[in-house]
Amino acid sequence: MIQLHKAPLGAIPPLPIPSKGIFQLDVDSDIWQNVGLEGCYPDAPAWLADESVRKGIKLMLEVDHCNEEERRLSREQSILQEWFSMEWLSVQIALKSAGECKFYCHITISQ
């Protein structure tokens, strides 16, 4: 775009990014550099140019993650309650059966 004179005045070309290892980005990788973006584009989108919008997006994502975690924990709570209810029922049945067995075993031994 710069060579074709279609880029804004004063535009700085981005640093070349090697294709090898493109998916193994580091915090210090050149892809994160936004040199030349500031001031060149008067109508830049708010998510790019406005820091408060970027912070708002991050906070919105954090709220979304919290809501997702709350739903997950709610499902886990329901499953745990159902499991405990079944275990409690099994214990009650076992105790009742043990009491009956004790009664029947005592009668059989006594006779």
PDB file of N, CA and C in Angstrom:
ATOM      1  N   MET A   1       0.824  -1.179   0.000  1.00  0.00           N
ATOM      2  CA  MET A   1       0.000   0.000   0.000  1.00  0.00           C
ATOM      3  C   MET A   1       0.879   1.259   0.000  1.00  0.00           C
ATOM      4  N   ILE A   2       1.983   1.220   0.745  1.00  0.00           N
ATOM      5  CA  ILE A   2       2.879   2.383   0.798  1.00  0.00           C
ATOM      6  C   ILE A   2       3.501   2.619  -0.573  1.00  0.00           C
ATOM      7  N   GLN A   3       3.949   1.548  -1.220  1.00  0.00           N
ATOM      8  CA  GLN A   3       4.574   1.678  -2.529  1.00  0.00           C
ATOM      9  C   GLN A   3       3.579   2.149  -3.590  1.00  0.00           C
ATOM     10  N   LEU A   4       2.316   1.815  -3.422  1.00  0.00           N
ATOM     11  CA  LEU A   4       1.295   2.234  -4.380  1.00  0.00           C
ATOM     12  C   LEU A   4       0.719   3.610  -4.038  1.00  0.00           C
ATOM     13  N   HIS A   5       1.235   4.215  -2.958  1.00  0.00           N
ATOM     14  CA  HIS A   5       0.783   5.526  -2.487  1.00  0.00           C
ATOM     15  C   HIS A   5      -0.703   5.521  -2.106  1.00  0.00           C
ATOM     16  N   LYS A   6      -1.161   4.375  -1.579  1.00  0.00           N
ATOM     17  CA  LYS A   6      -2.544   4.263  -1.121  1.00  0.00           C
ATOM     18  C   LYS A   6      -2.630   4.237   0.403  1.00  0.00           C
ATOM     19  N   ALA A   7      -1.497   4.249   1.057  1.00  0.00           N
ATOM     20  CA  ALA A   7      -1.464   4.239   2.517  1.00  0.00           C
ATOM     21  C   ALA A   7      -1.486   5.674   3.020  1.00  0.00           C
ATOM     22  N   PRO A   8      -1.951   5.902   4.253  1.00  0.00           N
ATOM     23  CA  PRO A   8      -1.940   7.254   4.816  1.00  0.00           C
ATOM     24  C   PRO A   8      -0.513   7.799   4.888  1.00  0.00           C
ATOM     25  N   LEU A   9      -0.386   9.109   4.835  1.00  0.00           N
ATOM     26  CA  LEU A   9       0.934   9.730   4.937  1.00  0.00           C
ATOM     27  C   LEU A   9       1.570   9.379   6.272  1.00  0.00           C
ATOM     28  N   GLY A  10       2.840   9.066   6.240  1.00  0.00           N
ATOM     29  CA  GLY A  10       3.571   8.732   7.461  1.00  0.00           C
ATOM     30  C   GLY A  10       3.370   7.305   7.931  1.00  0.00           C
ATOM     31  N   ALA A  11       2.679   6.494   7.137  1.00  0.00           N
ATOM     32  CA  ALA A  11       2.452   5.097   7.527  1.00  0.00           C
ATOM     33  C   ALA A  11       3.785   4.359   7.564  1.00  0.00           C
ATOM     34  N   ILE A  12       3.908   3.505   8.541  1.00  0.00           N
ATOM     35  CA  ILE A  12       5.132   2.709   8.700  1.00  0.00           C
ATOM     36  C   ILE A  12       4.756   1.256   8.420  1.00  0.00           C
ATOM     37  N   PRO A  13       5.491   0.596   7.548  1.00  0.00           N
ATOM     38  CA  PRO A  13       5.148  -0.800   7.248  1.00  0.00           C
ATOM     39  C   PRO A  13       5.431  -1.686   8.463  1.00  0.00           C
ATOM     40  N   PRO A  14       4.619  -2.706   8.663  1.00  0.00           N
ATOM     41  CA  PRO A  14       4.860  -3.618   9.781  1.00  0.00           C
ATOM     42  C   PRO A  14       6.122  -4.436   9.553  1.00  0.00           C
ATOM     43  N   LEU A  15       6.697  -4.901  10.647  1.00  0.00           N
ATOM     44  CA  LEU A  15       7.875  -5.752  10.546  1.00  0.00           C
ATOM     45  C   LEU A  15       7.469  -7.086   9.936  1.00  0.00           C
ATOM     46  N   PRO A  16       8.310  -7.646   9.072  1.00  0.00           N
ATOM     47  CA  PRO A  16       7.964  -8.951   8.478  1.00  0.00           C
ATOM     48  C   PRO A  16       7.908 -10.034   9.555  1.00  0.00           C
ATOM     49  N   ILE A  17       6.938 -10.910   9.425  1.00  0.00           N
ATOM     50  CA  ILE A  17       6.775 -12.010  10.380  1.00  0.00           C
ATOM     51  C   ILE A  17       7.139 -13.300   9.657  1.00  0.00           C
ATOM     52  N   PRO A  18       8.129 -14.021  10.158  1.00  0.00           N
ATOM     53  CA  PRO A  18       8.507 -15.278   9.503  1.00  0.00           C
ATOM     54  C   PRO A  18       7.381 -16.304   9.618  1.00  0.00           C
ATOM     55  N   SER A  19       7.150 -17.028   8.532  1.00  0.00           N
ATOM     56  CA  SER A  19       6.062 -18.010   8.541  1.00  0.00           C
ATOM     57  C   SER A  19       6.394 -19.216   9.405  1.00  0.00           C
ATOM     58  N   LYS A  20       7.675 -19.484   9.589  1.00  0.00           N
ATOM     59  CA  LYS A  20       8.070 -20.615  10.432  1.00  0.00           C
ATOM     60  C   LYS A  20       7.820 -20.233  11.903  1.00  0.00           C
ATOM     61  N   GLY A  21       7.051 -21.027  12.588  1.00  0.00           N
ATOM     62  CA  GLY A  21       6.765 -20.779  13.994  1.00  0.00           C
ATOM     63  C   GLY A  21       5.690 -19.737  14.236  1.00  0.00           C
ATOM     64  N   ILE A  22       4.851 -19.461  13.239  1.00  0.00           N
ATOM     65  CA  ILE A  22       3.824 -18.428  13.379  1.00  0.00           C
ATOM     66  C   ILE A  22       2.819 -18.787  14.472  1.00  0.00           C
ATOM     67  N   PHE A  23       2.610 -20.073  14.716  1.00  0.00           N
ATOM     68  CA  PHE A  23       1.648 -20.492  15.743  1.00  0.00           C
ATOM     69  C   PHE A  23       2.304 -20.713  17.101  1.00  0.00           C
ATOM     70  N   GLN A  24       3.566 -20.355  17.216  1.00  0.00           N
ATOM     71  CA  GLN A  24       4.267 -20.452  18.486  1.00  0.00           C
ATOM     72  C   GLN A  24       4.662 -19.044  18.914  1.00  0.00           C
ATOM     73  N   LEU A  25       3.679 -18.175  18.991  1.00  0.00           N
ATOM     74  CA  LEU A  25       3.926 -16.776  19.297  1.00  0.00           C
ATOM     75  C   LEU A  25       4.337 -16.584  20.749  1.00  0.00           C
ATOM     76  N   ASP A  26       5.199 -15.634  20.934  1.00  0.00           N
ATOM     77  CA  ASP A  26       5.686 -15.259  22.250  1.00  0.00           C
ATOM     78  C   ASP A  26       5.169 -13.862  22.553  1.00  0.00           C
ATOM     79  N   VAL A  27       5.212 -13.480  23.798  1.00  0.00           N
ATOM     80  CA  VAL A  27       4.775 -12.145  24.190  1.00  0.00           C
ATOM     81  C   VAL A  27       5.581 -11.072  23.461  1.00  0.00           C
ATOM     82  N   ASP A  28       6.823 -11.366  23.169  1.00  0.00           N
ATOM     83  CA  ASP A  28       7.702 -10.394  22.524  1.00  0.00           C
ATOM     84  C   ASP A  28       7.732 -10.516  21.003  1.00  0.00           C
ATOM     85  N   SER A  29       6.851 -11.343  20.417  1.00  0.00           N
ATOM     86  CA  SER A  29       6.852 -11.507  18.966  1.00  0.00           C
ATOM     87  C   SER A  29       6.497 -10.193  18.277  1.00  0.00           C
ATOM     88  N   ASP A  30       7.038 -10.007  17.083  1.00  0.00           N
ATOM     89  CA  ASP A  30       6.796  -8.775  16.318  1.00  0.00           C
ATOM     90  C   ASP A  30       5.335  -8.589  15.929  1.00  0.00           C
ATOM     91  N   ILE A  31       4.564  -9.676  15.918  1.00  0.00           N
ATOM     92  CA  ILE A  31       3.166  -9.556  15.503  1.00  0.00           C
ATOM     93  C   ILE A  31       2.374  -8.657  16.443  1.00  0.00           C
ATOM     94  N   TRP A  32       2.804  -8.519  17.675  1.00  0.00           N
ATOM     95  CA  TRP A  32       2.088  -7.706  18.659  1.00  0.00           C
ATOM     96  C   TRP A  32       2.446  -6.228  18.575  1.00  0.00           C
ATOM     97  N   GLN A  33       3.421  -5.891  17.788  1.00  0.00           N
ATOM     98  CA  GLN A  33       3.830  -4.497  17.667  1.00  0.00           C
ATOM     99  C   GLN A  33       2.807  -3.740  16.833  1.00  0.00           C
ATOM    100  N   ASN A  34       2.350  -2.606  17.337  1.00  0.00           N
ATOM    101  CA  ASN A  34       1.396  -1.808  16.578  1.00  0.00           C
ATOM    102  C   ASN A  34       2.017  -0.473  16.183  1.00  0.00           C
ATOM    103  N   VAL A  35       3.294  -0.520  15.876  1.00  0.00           N
ATOM    104  CA  VAL A  35       4.008   0.678  15.448  1.00  0.00           C
ATOM    105  C   VAL A  35       3.380   1.189  14.157  1.00  0.00           C
ATOM    106  N   GLY A  36       3.084   2.452  14.129  1.00  0.00           N
ATOM    107  CA  GLY A  36       2.538   3.056  12.933  1.00  0.00           C
ATOM    108  C   GLY A  36       1.024   3.096  12.901  1.00  0.00           C
ATOM    109  N   LEU A  37       0.360   2.448  13.842  1.00  0.00           N
ATOM    110  CA  LEU A  37      -1.101   2.466  13.844  1.00  0.00           C
ATOM    111  C   LEU A  37      -1.653   3.720  14.511  1.00  0.00           C
ATOM    112  N   GLU A  38      -0.915   4.251  15.455  1.00  0.00           N
ATOM    113  CA  GLU A  38      -1.395   5.413  16.195  1.00  0.00           C
ATOM    114  C   GLU A  38      -1.309   6.664  15.333  1.00  0.00           C
ATOM    115  N   GLY A  39      -2.378   7.357  15.217  1.00  0.00           N
ATOM    116  CA  GLY A  39      -2.395   8.626  14.499  1.00  0.00           C
ATOM    117  C   GLY A  39      -2.527   8.518  12.998  1.00  0.00           C
ATOM    118  N   CYS A  40      -2.296   7.366  12.419  1.00  0.00           N
ATOM    119  CA  CYS A  40      -2.362   7.228  10.967  1.00  0.00           C
ATOM    120  C   CYS A  40      -3.793   7.103  10.477  1.00  0.00           C
ATOM    121  N   TYR A  41      -4.622   6.478  11.280  1.00  0.00           N
ATOM    122  CA  TYR A  41      -5.983   6.208  10.847  1.00  0.00           C
ATOM    123  C   TYR A  41      -6.949   7.003  11.710  1.00  0.00           C
ATOM    124  N   PRO A  42      -7.467   8.103  11.190  1.00  0.00           N
ATOM    125  CA  PRO A  42      -8.362   8.933  12.002  1.00  0.00           C
ATOM    126  C   PRO A  42      -9.675   8.233  12.353  1.00  0.00           C
ATOM    127  N   ASP A  43     -10.124   7.303  11.558  1.00  0.00           N
ATOM    128  CA  ASP A  43     -11.386   6.618  11.808  1.00  0.00           C
ATOM    129  C   ASP A  43     -11.158   5.172  12.234  1.00  0.00           C
ATOM    130  N   ALA A  44     -10.162   4.955  13.072  1.00  0.00           N
ATOM    131  CA  ALA A  44      -9.865   3.594  13.534  1.00  0.00           C
ATOM    132  C   ALA A  44     -11.027   3.084  14.382  1.00  0.00           C
ATOM    133  N   PRO A  45     -11.314   1.791  14.310  1.00  0.00           N
ATOM    134  CA  PRO A  45     -12.400   1.247  15.129  1.00  0.00           C
ATOM    135  C   PRO A  45     -12.101   1.423  16.617  1.00  0.00           C
ATOM    136  N   ALA A  46     -13.152   1.573  17.411  1.00  0.00           N
ATOM    137  CA  ALA A  46     -12.987   1.846  18.837  1.00  0.00           C
ATOM    138  C   ALA A  46     -12.226   0.737  19.541  1.00  0.00           C
ATOM    139  N   TRP A  47     -12.416  -0.528  19.132  1.00  0.00           N
ATOM    140  CA  TRP A  47     -11.724  -1.624  19.797  1.00  0.00           C
ATOM    141  C   TRP A  47     -10.212  -1.546  19.582  1.00  0.00           C
ATOM    142  N   LEU A  48      -9.795  -0.825  18.558  1.00  0.00           N
ATOM    143  CA  LEU A  48      -8.376  -0.676  18.270  1.00  0.00           C
ATOM    144  C   LEU A  48      -7.818   0.617  18.843  1.00  0.00           C
ATOM    145  N   ALA A  49      -8.587   1.697  18.776  1.00  0.00           N
ATOM    146  CA  ALA A  49      -8.047   3.009  19.118  1.00  0.00           C
ATOM    147  C   ALA A  49      -8.376   3.486  20.531  1.00  0.00           C
ATOM    148  N   ASP A  50      -9.461   2.993  21.124  1.00  0.00           N
ATOM    149  CA  ASP A  50      -9.917   3.515  22.408  1.00  0.00           C
ATOM    150  C   ASP A  50      -9.576   2.534  23.534  1.00  0.00           C
ATOM    151  N   GLU A  51      -8.719   2.982  24.440  1.00  0.00           N
ATOM    152  CA  GLU A  51      -8.273   2.120  25.545  1.00  0.00           C
ATOM    153  C   GLU A  51      -9.435   1.711  26.442  1.00  0.00           C
ATOM    154  N   SER A  52     -10.389   2.607  26.675  1.00  0.00           N
ATOM    155  CA  SER A  52     -11.521   2.267  27.547  1.00  0.00           C
ATOM    156  C   SER A  52     -12.399   1.191  26.914  1.00  0.00           C
ATOM    157  N   VAL A  53     -12.514   1.201  25.598  1.00  0.00           N
ATOM    158  CA  VAL A  53     -13.277   0.155  24.905  1.00  0.00           C
ATOM    159  C   VAL A  53     -12.556  -1.182  25.038  1.00  0.00           C
ATOM    160  N   ARG A  54     -11.230  -1.172  24.888  1.00  0.00           N
ATOM    161  CA  ARG A  54     -10.457  -2.411  25.049  1.00  0.00           C
ATOM    162  C   ARG A  54     -10.593  -2.956  26.465  1.00  0.00           C
ATOM    163  N   LYS A  55     -10.540  -2.067  27.459  1.00  0.00           N
ATOM    164  CA  LYS A  55     -10.717  -2.509  28.849  1.00  0.00           C
ATOM    165  C   LYS A  55     -12.124  -3.062  29.048  1.00  0.00           C
ATOM    166  N   GLY A  56     -13.106  -2.406  28.447  1.00  0.00           N
ATOM    167  CA  GLY A  56     -14.490  -2.885  28.542  1.00  0.00           C
ATOM    168  C   GLY A  56     -14.656  -4.265  27.936  1.00  0.00           C
ATOM    169  N   ILE A  57     -14.001  -4.507  26.818  1.00  0.00           N
ATOM    170  CA  ILE A  57     -14.066  -5.828  26.173  1.00  0.00           C
ATOM    171  C   ILE A  57     -13.460  -6.877  27.091  1.00  0.00           C
ATOM    172  N   LYS A  58     -12.310  -6.557  27.683  1.00  0.00           N
ATOM    173  CA  LYS A  58     -11.673  -7.510  28.601  1.00  0.00           C
ATOM    174  C   LYS A  58     -12.579  -7.805  29.792  1.00  0.00           C
ATOM    175  N   LEU A  59     -13.204  -6.768  30.341  1.00  0.00           N
ATOM    176  CA  LEU A  59     -14.102  -6.967  31.482  1.00  0.00           C
ATOM    177  C   LEU A  59     -15.339  -7.771  31.086  1.00  0.00           C
ATOM    178  N   MET A  60     -15.858  -7.510  29.890  1.00  0.00           N
ATOM    179  CA  MET A  60     -17.011  -8.262  29.410  1.00  0.00           C
ATOM    180  C   MET A  60     -16.657  -9.740  29.250  1.00  0.00           C
ATOM    181  N   LEU A  61     -15.470 -10.020  28.728  1.00  0.00           N
ATOM    182  CA  LEU A  61     -15.022 -11.408  28.599  1.00  0.00           C
ATOM    183  C   LEU A  61     -14.874 -12.061  29.965  1.00  0.00           C
ATOM    184  N   GLU A  62     -14.369 -11.313  30.937  1.00  0.00           N
ATOM    185  CA  GLU A  62     -14.218 -11.851  32.288  1.00  0.00           C
ATOM    186  C   GLU A  62     -15.591 -12.178  32.892  1.00  0.00           C
ATOM    187  N   VAL A  63     -16.573 -11.295  32.688  1.00  0.00           N
ATOM    188  CA  VAL A  63     -17.932 -11.562  33.173  1.00  0.00           C
ATOM    189  C   VAL A  63     -18.499 -12.806  32.483  1.00  0.00           C
ATOM    190  N   ASP A  64     -18.284 -12.926  31.174  1.00  0.00           N
ATOM    191  CA  ASP A  64     -18.752 -14.110  30.446  1.00  0.00           C
ATOM    192  C   ASP A  64     -18.130 -15.379  31.014  1.00  0.00           C
ATOM    193  N   HIS A  65     -16.828 -15.339  31.301  1.00  0.00           N
ATOM    194  CA  HIS A  65     -16.147 -16.506  31.871  1.00  0.00           C
ATOM    195  C   HIS A  65     -16.702 -16.836  33.252  1.00  0.00           C
ATOM    196  N   CYS A  66     -16.977 -15.803  34.050  1.00  0.00           N
ATOM    197  CA  CYS A  66     -17.553 -16.027  35.383  1.00  0.00           C
ATOM    198  C   CYS A  66     -18.941 -16.665  35.269  1.00  0.00           C
ATOM    199  N   ASN A  67     -19.758 -16.174  34.348  1.00  0.00           N
ATOM    200  CA  ASN A  67     -21.092 -16.758  34.151  1.00  0.00           C
ATOM    201  C   ASN A  67     -20.996 -18.201  33.694  1.00  0.00           C
ATOM    202  N   GLU A  68     -20.063 -18.479  32.807  1.00  0.00           N
ATOM    203  CA  GLU A  68     -19.852 -19.846  32.333  1.00  0.00           C
ATOM    204  C   GLU A  68     -19.432 -20.751  33.489  1.00  0.00           C
ATOM    205  N   GLU A  69     -18.526 -20.273  34.325  1.00  0.00           N
ATOM    206  CA  GLU A  69     -18.064 -21.048  35.476  1.00  0.00           C
ATOM    207  C   GLU A  69     -19.206 -21.275  36.471  1.00  0.00           C
ATOM    208  N   GLU A  70     -20.051 -20.262  36.650  1.00  0.00           N
ATOM    209  CA  GLU A  70     -21.193 -20.400  37.557  1.00  0.00           C
ATOM    210  C   GLU A  70     -22.160 -21.481  37.054  1.00  0.00           C
ATOM    211  N   ARG A  71     -22.420 -21.501  35.746  1.00  0.00           N
ATOM    212  CA  ARG A  71     -23.287 -22.545  35.178  1.00  0.00           C
ATOM    213  C   ARG A  71     -22.663 -23.926  35.370  1.00  0.00           C
ATOM    214  N   ARG A  72     -21.355 -24.018  35.144  1.00  0.00           N
ATOM    215  CA  ARG A  72     -20.667 -25.298  35.301  1.00  0.00           C
ATOM    216  C   ARG A  72     -20.747 -25.776  36.747  1.00  0.00           C
ATOM    217  N   LEU A  73     -20.516 -24.868  37.695  1.00  0.00           N
ATOM    218  CA  LEU A  73     -20.574 -25.230  39.108  1.00  0.00           C
ATOM    219  C   LEU A  73     -21.992 -25.599  39.533  1.00  0.00           C
ATOM    220  N   SER A  74     -22.977 -24.941  38.965  1.00  0.00           N
ATOM    221  CA  SER A  74     -24.368 -25.264  39.276  1.00  0.00           C
ATOM    222  C   SER A  74     -24.696 -26.686  38.819  1.00  0.00           C
ATOM    223  N   ARG A  75     -24.255 -27.045  37.608  1.00  0.00           N
ATOM    224  CA  ARG A  75     -24.468 -28.415  37.120  1.00  0.00           C
ATOM    225  C   ARG A  75     -23.753 -29.414  38.025  1.00  0.00           C
ATOM    226  N   GLU A  76     -22.523 -29.091  38.411  1.00  0.00           N
ATOM    227  CA  GLU A  76     -21.753 -29.978  39.272  1.00  0.00           C
ATOM    228  C   GLU A  76     -22.441 -30.143  40.627  1.00  0.00           C
ATOM    229  N   GLN A  77     -23.013 -29.057  41.156  1.00  0.00           N
ATOM    230  CA  GLN A  77     -23.732 -29.122  42.423  1.00  0.00           C
ATOM    231  C   GLN A  77     -24.940 -30.050  42.303  1.00  0.00           C
ATOM    232  N   SER A  78     -25.686 -29.926  41.220  1.00  0.00           N
ATOM    233  CA  SER A  78     -26.857 -30.784  41.011  1.00  0.00           C
ATOM    234  C   SER A  78     -26.458 -32.252  40.932  1.00  0.00           C
ATOM    235  N   ILE A  79     -25.390 -32.520  40.214  1.00  0.00           N
ATOM    236  CA  ILE A  79     -24.922 -33.902  40.080  1.00  0.00           C
ATOM    237  C   ILE A  79     -24.480 -34.449  41.431  1.00  0.00           C
ATOM    238  N   LEU A  80     -23.762 -33.629  42.202  1.00  0.00           N
ATOM    239  CA  LEU A  80     -23.327 -34.063  43.531  1.00  0.00           C
ATOM    240  C   LEU A  80     -24.516 -34.326  44.449  1.00  0.00           C
ATOM    241  N   GLN A  81     -25.529 -33.466  44.403  1.00  0.00           N
ATOM    242  CA  GLN A  81     -26.707 -33.668  45.238  1.00  0.00           C
ATOM    243  C   GLN A  81     -27.445 -34.946  44.862  1.00  0.00           C
ATOM    244  N   GLU A  82     -27.545 -35.195  43.558  1.00  0.00           N
ATOM    245  CA  GLU A  82     -28.200 -36.423  43.109  1.00  0.00           C
ATOM    246  C   GLU A  82     -27.405 -37.649  43.553  1.00  0.00           C
ATOM    247  N   TRP A  83     -26.081 -37.579  43.399  1.00  0.00           N
ATOM    248  CA  TRP A  83     -25.228 -38.695  43.811  1.00  0.00           C
ATOM    249  C   TRP A  83     -25.363 -38.944  45.308  1.00  0.00           C
ATOM    250  N   PHE A  84     -25.307 -37.869  46.113  1.00  0.00           N
ATOM    251  CA  PHE A  84     -25.393 -38.024  47.552  1.00  0.00           C
ATOM    252  C   PHE A  84     -26.756 -38.573  47.963  1.00  0.00           C
ATOM    253  N   SER A  85     -27.814 -38.148  47.288  1.00  0.00           N
ATOM    254  CA  SER A  85     -29.148 -38.656  47.576  1.00  0.00           C
ATOM    255  C   SER A  85     -29.215 -40.161  47.354  1.00  0.00           C
ATOM    256  N   MET A  86     -28.640 -40.633  46.266  1.00  0.00           N
ATOM    257  CA  MET A  86     -28.621 -42.076  45.978  1.00  0.00           C
ATOM    258  C   MET A  86     -27.773 -42.828  47.002  1.00  0.00           C
ATOM    259  N   GLU A  87     -26.629 -42.243  47.369  1.00  0.00           N
ATOM    260  CA  GLU A  87     -25.774 -42.878  48.382  1.00  0.00           C
ATOM    261  C   GLU A  87     -26.501 -42.949  49.725  1.00  0.00           C
ATOM    262  N   TRP A  88     -27.181 -41.874  50.089  1.00  0.00           N
ATOM    263  CA  TRP A  88     -27.908 -41.838  51.351  1.00  0.00           C
ATOM    264  C   TRP A  88     -29.016 -42.892  51.363  1.00  0.00           C
ATOM    265  N   LEU A  89     -29.720 -43.017  50.252  1.00  0.00           N
ATOM    266  CA  LEU A  89     -30.761 -44.039  50.132  1.00  0.00           C
ATOM    267  C   LEU A  89     -30.160 -45.428  50.264  1.00  0.00           C
ATOM    268  N   SER A  90     -29.014 -45.659  49.645  1.00  0.00           N
ATOM    269  CA  SER A  90     -28.336 -46.959  49.745  1.00  0.00           C
ATOM    270  C   SER A  90     -27.931 -47.257  51.178  1.00  0.00           C
ATOM    271  N   VAL A  91     -27.445 -46.260  51.887  1.00  0.00           N
ATOM    272  CA  VAL A  91     -27.058 -46.450  53.290  1.00  0.00           C
ATOM    273  C   VAL A  91     -28.290 -46.770  54.131  1.00  0.00           C
ATOM    274  N   GLN A  92     -29.395 -46.062  53.898  1.00  0.00           N
ATOM    275  CA  GLN A  92     -30.617 -46.318  54.660  1.00  0.00           C
ATOM    276  C   GLN A  92     -31.123 -47.740  54.412  1.00  0.00           C
ATOM    277  N   ILE A  93     -31.099 -48.179  53.167  1.00  0.00           N
ATOM    278  CA  ILE A  93     -31.524 -49.542  52.825  1.00  0.00           C
ATOM    279  C   ILE A  93     -30.599 -50.558  53.478  1.00  0.00           C
ATOM    280  N   ALA A  94     -29.293 -50.294  53.438  1.00  0.00           N
ATOM    281  CA  ALA A  94     -28.328 -51.207  54.049  1.00  0.00           C
ATOM    282  C   ALA A  94     -28.533 -51.289  55.560  1.00  0.00           C
ATOM    283  N   LEU A  95     -28.793 -50.154  56.202  1.00  0.00           N
ATOM    284  CA  LEU A  95     -29.029 -50.161  57.648  1.00  0.00           C
ATOM    285  C   LEU A  95     -30.305 -50.927  57.993  1.00  0.00           C
ATOM    286  N   LYS A  96     -31.343 -50.724  57.193  1.00  0.00           N
ATOM    287  CA  LYS A  96     -32.596 -51.431  57.432  1.00  0.00           C
ATOM    288  C   LYS A  96     -32.395 -52.928  57.231  1.00  0.00           C
ATOM    289  N   SER A  97     -31.685 -53.273  56.159  1.00  0.00           N
ATOM    290  CA  SER A  97     -31.414 -54.689  55.886  1.00  0.00           C
ATOM    291  C   SER A  97     -30.539 -55.292  56.974  1.00  0.00           C
ATOM    292  N   ALA A  98     -29.581 -54.543  57.466  1.00  0.00           N
ATOM    293  CA  ALA A  98     -28.699 -55.046  58.524  1.00  0.00           C
ATOM    294  C   ALA A  98     -29.500 -55.276  59.794  1.00  0.00           C
ATOM    295  N   GLY A  99     -30.439 -54.398  60.094  1.00  0.00           N
ATOM    296  CA  GLY A  99     -31.282 -54.573  61.280  1.00  0.00           C
ATOM    297  C   GLY A  99     -32.148 -55.809  61.155  1.00  0.00           C
ATOM    298  N   GLU A 100     -32.738 -56.035  59.989  1.00  0.00           N
ATOM    299  CA  GLU A 100     -33.558 -57.215  59.761  1.00  0.00           C
ATOM    300  C   GLU A 100     -32.716 -58.473  59.826  1.00  0.00           C
ATOM    301  N   CYS A 101     -31.521 -58.426  59.247  1.00  0.00           N
ATOM    302  CA  CYS A 101     -30.627 -59.584  59.266  1.00  0.00           C
ATOM    303  C   CYS A 101     -30.249 -59.912  60.697  1.00  0.00           C
ATOM    304  N   LYS A 102     -29.981 -58.906  61.500  1.00  0.00           N
ATOM    305  CA  LYS A 102     -29.605 -59.117  62.897  1.00  0.00           C
ATOM    306  C   LYS A 102     -30.760 -59.797  63.635  1.00  0.00           C
ATOM    307  N   PHE A 103     -31.984 -59.327  63.340  1.00  0.00           N
ATOM    308  CA  PHE A 103     -33.154 -59.907  63.985  1.00  0.00           C
ATOM    309  C   PHE A 103     -33.327 -61.368  63.554  1.00  0.00           C
ATOM    310  N   TYR A 104     -33.268 -61.635  62.225  1.00  0.00           N
ATOM    311  CA  TYR A 104     -33.447 -62.999  61.718  1.00  0.00           C
ATOM    312  C   TYR A 104     -32.302 -63.903  62.144  1.00  0.00           C
ATOM    313  N   CYS A 105     -31.074 -63.380  62.107  1.00  0.00           N
ATOM    314  CA  CYS A 105     -29.913 -64.185  62.506  1.00  0.00           C
ATOM    315  C   CYS A 105     -30.045 -64.560  63.983  1.00  0.00           C
ATOM    316  N   HIS A 106     -30.521 -63.674  64.814  1.00  0.00           N
ATOM    317  CA  HIS A 106     -30.661 -63.930  66.255  1.00  0.00           C
ATOM    318  C   HIS A 106     -31.705 -65.010  66.499  1.00  0.00           C
ATOM    319  N   ILE A 107     -32.823 -64.952  65.745  1.00  0.00           N
ATOM    320  CA  ILE A 107     -33.889 -65.976  65.901  1.00  0.00           C
ATOM    321  C   ILE A 107     -33.363 -67.329  65.462  1.00  0.00           C
ATOM    322  N   THR A 108     -32.653 -67.401  64.352  1.00  0.00           N
ATOM    323  CA  THR A 108     -32.140 -68.671  63.828  1.00  0.00           C
ATOM    324  C   THR A 108     -31.135 -69.274  64.795  1.00  0.00           C
ATOM    325  N   ILE A 109     -30.255 -68.468  65.335  1.00  0.00           N
ATOM    326  CA  ILE A 109     -29.229 -68.959  66.268  1.00  0.00           C
ATOM    327  C   ILE A 109     -29.904 -69.425  67.564  1.00  0.00           C
ATOM    328  N   SER A 110     -30.915 -68.722  68.031  1.00  0.00           N
ATOM    329  CA  SER A 110     -31.587 -69.045  69.276  1.00  0.00           C
ATOM    330  C   SER A 110     -32.356 -70.370  69.166  1.00  0.00           C
ATOM    331  N   GLN A 111     -32.905 -70.643  68.025  1.00  0.00           N
ATOM    332  CA  GLN A 111     -33.715 -71.861  67.869  1.00  0.00           C
ATOM    333  C   GLN A 111     -32.783 -73.010  67.751  1.00  0.00           C
TER     334      GLN A 111
END
